[in-house]
Amino acid sequence: MNLTAVLDHPALTALYRTDPFVTGLYIEASRGTGRVLTPSLSVFAAERQGAGAGKHAASLWFAENVSFSTAHAVDAMGRPSVDRPVAHAAAIAWQAVKEGELMRVLSLEPEPYAGTGIRPLNPT
C-alpha cells in the first residue's frame, strides 16, 4: 500500500529547508512508493512563510499539485472556523474521506486543524 501525504504550508517550508522526514516522503514519491500532494493554496502560503518555499514546492517533479476547486471551497465554507492557510489541505482530506481514500495531512503546525476532524501527522 502506498502512502499519500498532503503537505500543508509548514510542511512545504520544511521540505524547502530539507527536513529529513518530509524529504524522505518526497523521495518515496520519486520512487513510486508514495504520493505527495501539494495544495495550490498551501504553495502560496509557503511562499509567504518563507521566501522561495512556494516556488520550490511549485517546481517539484514528483509531487501532484492540487488546484483549489469549487468542491474544496464549498467544504471550506461549511466550516467557518477553519483558518484560510489550512483550508485547502483540510478540504483535500475531507474529499478523500468522502471517497474512501486513505491519506494523511502532514503539518509541522497542527494547531490550526483543531475542530476540523483532521488530525495531521506532525513529524517533529
Protein backbone atom coordinates (compact mmCIF):
# COMPACT_ATOMS: atom_id res chain seq x y z
CA MET A 1 0.00 0.00 0.00
CA ASN A 2 1.34 3.42 -0.96
CA LEU A 3 1.05 6.33 1.42
CA THR A 4 -0.49 9.57 0.16
CA ALA A 5 0.59 12.67 2.05
CA VAL A 6 -0.91 16.14 1.69
CA LEU A 7 1.76 18.71 2.53
CA ASP A 8 0.43 21.93 4.02
CA HIS A 9 2.40 25.18 4.04
CA PRO A 10 4.58 24.43 7.10
CA ALA A 11 5.41 21.01 5.62
CA LEU A 12 6.27 22.58 2.26
CA THR A 13 8.50 25.08 4.04
CA ALA A 14 10.16 22.19 5.88
CA LEU A 15 10.73 20.39 2.57
CA TYR A 16 12.37 23.53 1.20
CA ARG A 17 14.63 23.54 4.27
CA THR A 18 15.43 19.84 3.65
CA ASP A 19 13.73 18.45 6.75
CA PRO A 20 14.73 14.74 6.78
CA PHE A 21 11.23 13.34 7.36
CA VAL A 22 9.47 15.43 4.72
CA THR A 23 12.33 14.92 2.28
CA GLY A 24 12.04 11.17 2.87
CA LEU A 25 8.36 11.26 1.90
CA TYR A 26 9.26 13.12 -1.27
CA ILE A 27 11.93 10.52 -2.08
CA GLU A 28 9.31 7.77 -1.67
CA ALA A 29 7.10 9.65 -4.14
CA SER A 30 10.00 9.84 -6.60
CA ARG A 31 10.37 6.04 -6.35
CA GLY A 32 6.66 5.48 -6.94
CA THR A 33 6.10 4.04 -3.46
CA GLY A 34 4.13 7.01 -2.21
CA ARG A 35 2.32 10.15 -3.35
CA VAL A 36 2.84 13.73 -2.31
CA LEU A 37 0.05 16.23 -2.90
CA THR A 38 0.72 19.96 -2.80
CA PRO A 39 -2.42 22.08 -2.42
CA SER A 40 -2.08 25.24 -4.50
CA LEU A 41 -3.13 27.47 -1.59
CA SER A 42 -0.50 25.77 0.60
CA VAL A 43 2.11 26.54 -2.07
CA PHE A 44 1.07 30.19 -1.90
CA ALA A 45 1.10 30.21 1.94
CA ALA A 46 4.53 28.50 1.99
CA GLU A 47 5.95 31.32 -0.11
CA ARG A 48 4.53 33.82 2.38
CA GLN A 49 6.01 31.81 5.26
CA GLY A 50 9.48 31.57 3.76
CA ALA A 51 10.73 33.23 0.60
CA GLY A 52 11.46 30.57 -2.02
CA ALA A 53 9.50 27.77 -0.32
CA GLY A 54 6.42 28.17 -2.51
CA LYS A 55 8.41 28.47 -5.72
CA HIS A 56 10.31 25.33 -4.74
CA ALA A 57 7.06 23.47 -4.00
CA ALA A 58 5.58 24.52 -7.34
CA SER A 59 8.58 23.06 -9.17
CA LEU A 60 8.62 19.61 -7.57
CA TRP A 61 8.61 16.92 -10.26
CA PHE A 62 7.29 14.08 -8.13
CA ALA A 63 4.52 15.98 -6.34
CA GLU A 64 0.99 16.39 -7.60
CA ASN A 65 -0.28 19.96 -7.42
CA VAL A 66 -3.94 20.07 -6.44
CA SER A 67 -5.86 23.13 -7.60
CA PHE A 68 -8.38 24.75 -5.25
CA SER A 69 -11.66 23.54 -6.71
CA THR A 70 -15.24 24.62 -6.19
CA ALA A 71 -15.80 21.43 -4.17
CA HIS A 72 -12.91 22.39 -1.89
CA ALA A 73 -14.35 25.88 -1.50
CA VAL A 74 -17.79 24.53 -0.61
CA ASP A 75 -16.30 22.22 2.02
CA ALA A 76 -14.22 25.04 3.49
CA MET A 77 -17.18 27.45 3.55
CA GLY A 78 -19.12 24.88 5.54
CA ARG A 79 -16.53 25.15 8.30
CA PRO A 80 -16.14 28.88 9.02
CA SER A 81 -13.77 28.32 11.95
CA VAL A 82 -11.08 26.83 9.69
CA ASP A 83 -8.14 29.18 9.12
CA ARG A 84 -7.57 30.05 5.48
CA PRO A 85 -3.97 28.77 5.31
CA VAL A 86 -5.08 25.21 6.19
CA ALA A 87 -8.49 25.19 4.47
CA HIS A 88 -7.25 23.71 1.19
CA ALA A 89 -5.23 20.88 2.77
CA ALA A 90 -8.16 20.10 5.07
CA ALA A 91 -10.62 20.16 2.15
CA ILE A 92 -8.49 17.66 0.23
CA ALA A 93 -8.60 15.37 3.26
CA TRP A 94 -12.38 15.83 3.66
CA GLN A 95 -12.87 14.90 0.00
CA ALA A 96 -10.67 11.81 0.45
CA VAL A 97 -12.76 10.66 3.40
CA LYS A 98 -15.93 11.03 1.31
CA GLU A 99 -14.34 8.95 -1.45
CA GLY A 100 -12.96 6.31 0.92
CA GLU A 101 -9.32 7.14 0.14
CA LEU A 102 -6.56 6.79 2.69
CA MET A 103 -4.34 9.85 3.00
CA ARG A 104 -2.67 11.90 5.70
CA VAL A 105 -2.18 15.62 6.06
CA LEU A 106 1.37 16.38 7.14
CA SER A 107 1.86 19.54 9.18
CA LEU A 108 4.55 20.85 11.48
CA GLU A 109 1.91 23.22 12.88
CA PRO A 110 -1.17 21.04 13.61
CA GLU A 111 -2.94 23.50 15.93
CA PRO A 112 -4.98 25.26 13.19
CA TYR A 113 -6.61 21.89 12.38
CA ALA A 114 -8.30 21.69 15.79
CA GLY A 115 -12.02 21.22 15.33
CA THR A 116 -11.74 20.23 11.66
CA GLY A 117 -11.91 16.48 12.16
CA ILE A 118 -8.45 16.27 10.57
CA ARG A 119 -5.60 15.08 12.76
CA PRO A 120 -2.45 15.89 10.84
CA LEU A 121 0.73 13.92 11.27
CA ASN A 122 3.39 16.08 12.93
CA PRO A 123 6.85 14.58 12.42
CA THR A 124 8.55 16.85 14.95
